[in-house]
Protein backbone atom coordinates (compact mmCIF):
# COMPACT_ATOMS: atom_id res chain seq x y z
CA MET A 1 -4.80 -8.65 -10.31
CA THR A 2 -1.16 -8.39 -11.15
CA PRO A 3 1.13 -7.78 -8.08
CA THR A 4 3.01 -4.54 -7.89
CA ILE A 5 6.51 -4.67 -9.24
CA GLY A 6 8.95 -2.43 -7.89
CA CYS A 7 11.52 -1.62 -5.31
CA PRO A 8 10.72 1.22 -2.91
CA GLU A 9 13.90 0.70 -1.17
CA ALA A 10 16.02 1.45 -4.33
CA GLU A 11 13.74 4.35 -5.22
CA ALA A 12 14.28 5.81 -1.75
CA ALA A 13 18.11 5.16 -2.07
CA LEU A 14 18.04 6.92 -5.50
CA ILE A 15 16.27 9.96 -4.00
CA GLY A 16 18.67 10.09 -1.10
CA CYS A 17 21.59 10.05 -3.57
CA LEU A 18 20.09 12.85 -5.58
CA LEU A 19 19.95 15.05 -2.46
CA HIS A 20 23.77 14.63 -2.13
CA LEU A 21 24.42 15.47 -5.85
CA PRO A 22 24.96 18.76 -7.55
CA ALA A 23 21.97 20.48 -9.58
CA GLY A 24 23.33 19.44 -12.93
CA ARG A 25 23.56 15.86 -12.18
CA VAL A 26 20.15 15.92 -10.60
CA VAL A 27 18.65 17.43 -13.81
CA GLU A 28 20.29 14.81 -15.84
CA ILE A 29 18.84 11.94 -13.80
CA ALA A 30 15.63 13.38 -13.60
CA ARG A 31 15.27 13.72 -17.45
CA ARG A 32 15.78 9.93 -17.64
CA MET A 33 12.71 9.33 -15.50
CA VAL A 34 9.04 9.79 -15.45
CA GLY A 35 6.97 9.92 -12.23
CA GLU A 36 5.37 6.59 -12.96
CA ASP A 37 8.85 4.92 -12.87
CA LEU A 38 8.45 5.09 -9.09
CA VAL A 39 6.00 2.95 -7.14
CA ASP A 40 5.96 5.06 -3.94
CA PRO A 41 3.92 8.30 -4.44
CA ARG A 42 6.28 9.88 -1.65
CA ASN A 43 9.31 9.19 -3.90
CA ARG A 44 7.34 10.56 -6.87
CA VAL A 45 6.87 13.83 -4.97
CA LEU A 46 10.55 14.09 -3.91
CA LEU A 47 11.81 13.40 -7.40
CA ALA A 48 9.58 16.13 -8.84
CA ALA A 49 10.55 18.63 -6.17
CA ALA A 50 14.29 17.74 -6.47
CA ALA A 51 14.15 18.29 -10.08
CA VAL A 52 12.55 21.60 -9.80
CA VAL A 53 15.06 22.82 -7.30
CA ALA A 54 17.89 21.58 -9.46
CA SER A 55 16.37 23.05 -12.54
CA GLN A 56 16.71 26.50 -10.63
CA GLY A 57 20.52 25.71 -10.62
CA LEU A 58 20.36 24.89 -6.84
CA ASP A 59 21.72 21.84 -5.33
CA PRO A 60 18.82 19.88 -3.86
CA ASP A 61 19.41 19.68 -0.13
CA PRO A 62 16.57 18.46 2.14
CA ALA A 63 15.51 22.11 3.26
CA LEU A 64 15.27 23.34 -0.48
CA VAL A 65 13.33 20.15 -1.55
CA LEU A 66 10.92 20.31 1.34
CA GLY A 67 10.29 23.87 0.70
CA GLN A 68 9.33 22.90 -2.96
CA VAL A 69 7.17 20.07 -1.72
CA ARG A 70 5.20 22.52 0.28
CA ARG A 71 5.03 25.10 -2.73
CA LEU A 72 3.69 22.15 -4.86
CA GLY A 73 1.14 21.50 -2.14
CA ALA A 74 2.04 17.85 -2.27
CA GLU A 75 2.41 17.23 1.57
CA SER A 76 -0.81 15.26 1.57
CA SER A 77 1.15 12.46 -0.27
CA PHE A 78 2.89 11.59 3.17
CA THR A 79 1.25 10.14 6.10
CA ALA A 80 0.72 11.83 9.42
CA ASP A 81 3.14 9.40 11.11
CA ARG A 82 5.78 9.89 8.32
CA ALA A 83 5.52 13.61 7.55
CA ALA A 84 7.26 14.85 4.35
CA GLY A 85 9.98 16.39 6.39
CA THR A 86 10.68 13.31 8.46
CA TYR A 87 10.74 10.94 5.36
CA LEU A 88 12.86 13.33 3.59
CA LEU A 89 15.49 13.47 6.22
CA ASP A 90 15.33 9.58 6.81
CA VAL A 91 15.97 9.14 2.90
CA TYR A 92 18.68 11.82 2.98
CA ALA A 93 20.40 10.07 6.00
CA ALA A 94 20.04 6.48 4.60
CA ALA A 95 21.31 7.35 1.20
CA GLY A 96 24.05 5.10 -0.17
CA VAL A 97 27.03 6.40 -1.74
CA PRO A 98 26.28 9.26 -4.20
CA ALA A 99 28.35 7.45 -6.79
CA SER A 100 25.97 4.48 -6.80
CA VAL A 101 23.09 6.66 -8.20
CA GLU A 102 23.50 5.06 -11.47
CA ALA A 103 23.06 1.48 -9.88
CA TYR A 104 19.96 2.67 -8.00
CA LEU A 105 18.57 4.28 -11.15
CA ASN A 106 18.94 1.01 -13.10
CA VAL A 107 17.21 -0.97 -10.46
CA VAL A 108 14.30 1.33 -10.40
CA LEU A 109 14.03 1.65 -14.17
CA GLU A 110 14.25 -2.09 -14.66
CA HIS A 111 11.44 -2.56 -12.28
CA SER A 112 9.35 0.13 -14.04
CA TYR A 113 9.71 -1.64 -17.41
CA ARG A 114 8.69 -5.06 -15.93
CA ARG A 115 5.82 -3.24 -14.06
CA ARG A 116 4.75 -1.64 -17.42
CA LEU A 117 5.18 -5.00 -19.06
CA ALA A 118 2.97 -6.85 -16.72
CA GLU A 119 0.24 -4.09 -16.95
CA VAL A 120 0.41 -4.29 -20.70
CA GLY A 121 -0.42 -8.06 -20.53
CA VAL A 122 -3.34 -7.32 -18.06
CA ARG A 123 -4.83 -4.71 -20.43
CA LEU A 124 -4.45 -6.72 -23.38
CA GLU A 125 -6.03 -9.78 -21.51
CA GLN A 126 -9.05 -7.52 -20.68
CA VAL A 127 -10.09 -6.45 -24.03
CA ALA A 128 -8.80 -9.40 -26.22
CA GLY A 129 -11.89 -11.20 -26.20
CA THR A 130 -14.43 -8.37 -26.63
CA ALA A 131 -12.57 -5.41 -28.44
CA ALA A 132 -12.82 -4.85 -32.22
CA LEU A 133 -9.62 -5.89 -33.98
CA ARG A 134 -8.94 -2.25 -35.09
CA GLU A 135 -9.38 -1.25 -31.57
CA LEU A 136 -7.25 -3.99 -30.34
CA GLN A 137 -4.49 -3.24 -32.81
CA GLU A 138 -4.52 0.57 -31.80
CA LEU A 139 -4.16 -0.41 -28.04
CA VAL A 140 -1.41 -2.95 -28.87
CA ASP A 141 0.51 -0.13 -30.99
CA GLU A 142 0.04 2.42 -28.17
CA GLN A 143 1.30 -0.14 -25.49
CA VAL A 144 4.10 -1.00 -27.55
CA ALA A 145 5.23 2.56 -27.86
CA LEU A 146 5.06 3.22 -24.14
CA LEU A 147 7.27 -0.14 -23.71
CA ARG A 148 9.83 1.26 -26.17
CA GLN A 149 9.91 4.57 -24.24
CA ALA A 150 10.50 2.84 -20.94
CA ALA A 151 13.19 0.55 -22.48
CA ALA A 152 15.00 3.55 -24.00
CA ARG A 153 15.08 5.21 -20.55
CA MET A 154 16.35 1.93 -18.97
CA HIS A 155 19.18 1.64 -21.64
CA GLN A 156 20.44 5.14 -21.27
CA ARG A 157 23.89 5.14 -19.65
CA HIS A 158 25.39 8.21 -17.98
CA PRO A 159 28.87 8.54 -19.96
CA ALA A 160 31.97 7.41 -17.89
CA PRO A 161 34.15 10.24 -16.88
CA ALA A 162 37.23 10.87 -18.87
CA GLN A 163 40.36 9.26 -17.59
CA ALA A 164 43.21 11.50 -16.72
CA VAL A 165 46.25 11.04 -18.79
CA ALA A 166 49.27 10.53 -16.66
């Protein structure tokens, strides 16, 4: 079995930063990700909820995001000792500097790419000796397409703000 490749701490920092950013920026960052980029299911839920709130033009503060988590019926993703509200407030309070959101995003996306690459290796190893060549080639093509998508997300960059002319 392949060890899980991920960085839940960077994920939590990313989510915490999103809760401090304006709606437009949150939407932009959420578009660069898919839920599977995150290893912690709680962070997946919070990303989805923050994206919904932000897509409505609202800045995703903890109260609005928690309300959206409840509307999604996703509180079951959290444990009894770390209820959704408690985890959300912890992530919000522990967030790094919101300007570091790109750095956290890059860490998360790099780990996601590496995890997908390891998963592709496992899948190919499982079928390499038994699958028909045509089936194997289709699997390779499918997996390469998924890796290209992950790499494209990883290499997207937020444009630098324009410099003021003195």
